[in-house]
């Protein structure tokens, strides 16, 4: 079964906070929730759920003088540990690096966090040069990696356009998942309704796409009309042209979308005639042989 493997490097400036967090995760990895809760209370965390997801498995924790390394697996649809990272930033965490290996596609992705924000790889290194050797260790000679490839090994960073608070990032991820789930549920309901009425769900999806194309054309016509009326003389001329476009553009976009869905050469309508008598189609050639 496919799964995601996550490695979370946690950096603390306060050694007491580091030790306390270490004890929390060591007890959690040992399934000793009573002791884990005790040390979570000392850390100041609101609950164990804010530090640990019950869906994680194959978990392990490794301690170093300056940081912790937490490793665990999740399902392919598992959430990123953004809530846990957000909670730790409120209780002594200074910086973190999250690495996710997506087993289903065989790809690795890294995210960098500093002072409660998701930042770019370069911004993280600029702010924390003392931890670069830990975050991006250079392979030793003989490990099968050339010096020129050392930097490419960590070039899989997913960087934000600008620094973003972890809390905001978590809210965006929750919204994206919620909208995706609602869209999937809406499509299932539409398919059921069409199944009861004897219509094909594919036809329903095509209708939705055509309506979206028509709406896109209408928006473009409105934008064109507003811009030309504001920038150029001849109010009624541009209003008249805008009304024409409000009819023509949606029809054009819908016709283009319909053509793309059915195939430009209409092959979906002509496939059934390929083996008719009198044609030199595949069936005729095979019969002749």
Foldseek 3Di string as FASTA:
>chain_A
DWWKKKKKKFFFPDQVLQVLVQQLVVCVLVVNNVSNQVSCVVLVFPGVVLQDDPQWAPWDWDDDSGIIIIITIHHLPDDDSLSNVQRVLVRGTAWMKMWMQGRVVRDIEMWIGGSQKTAWPVVRCVVCVVCCCVVQPADDPPPPDDNVCSVVVHPRYDGDPHIGGSVVVVVVVVVVVVVVVVVVVVLVVVCVVCVVVVHHSVVVVLVVVLVVQLVVQQVVLVVQLVVCCVPHDDNVVSVVVSVVSNPVRSVVSSVVSVCVVCDVVNVVVCVVVQPDPPHPHPVVVVVVD
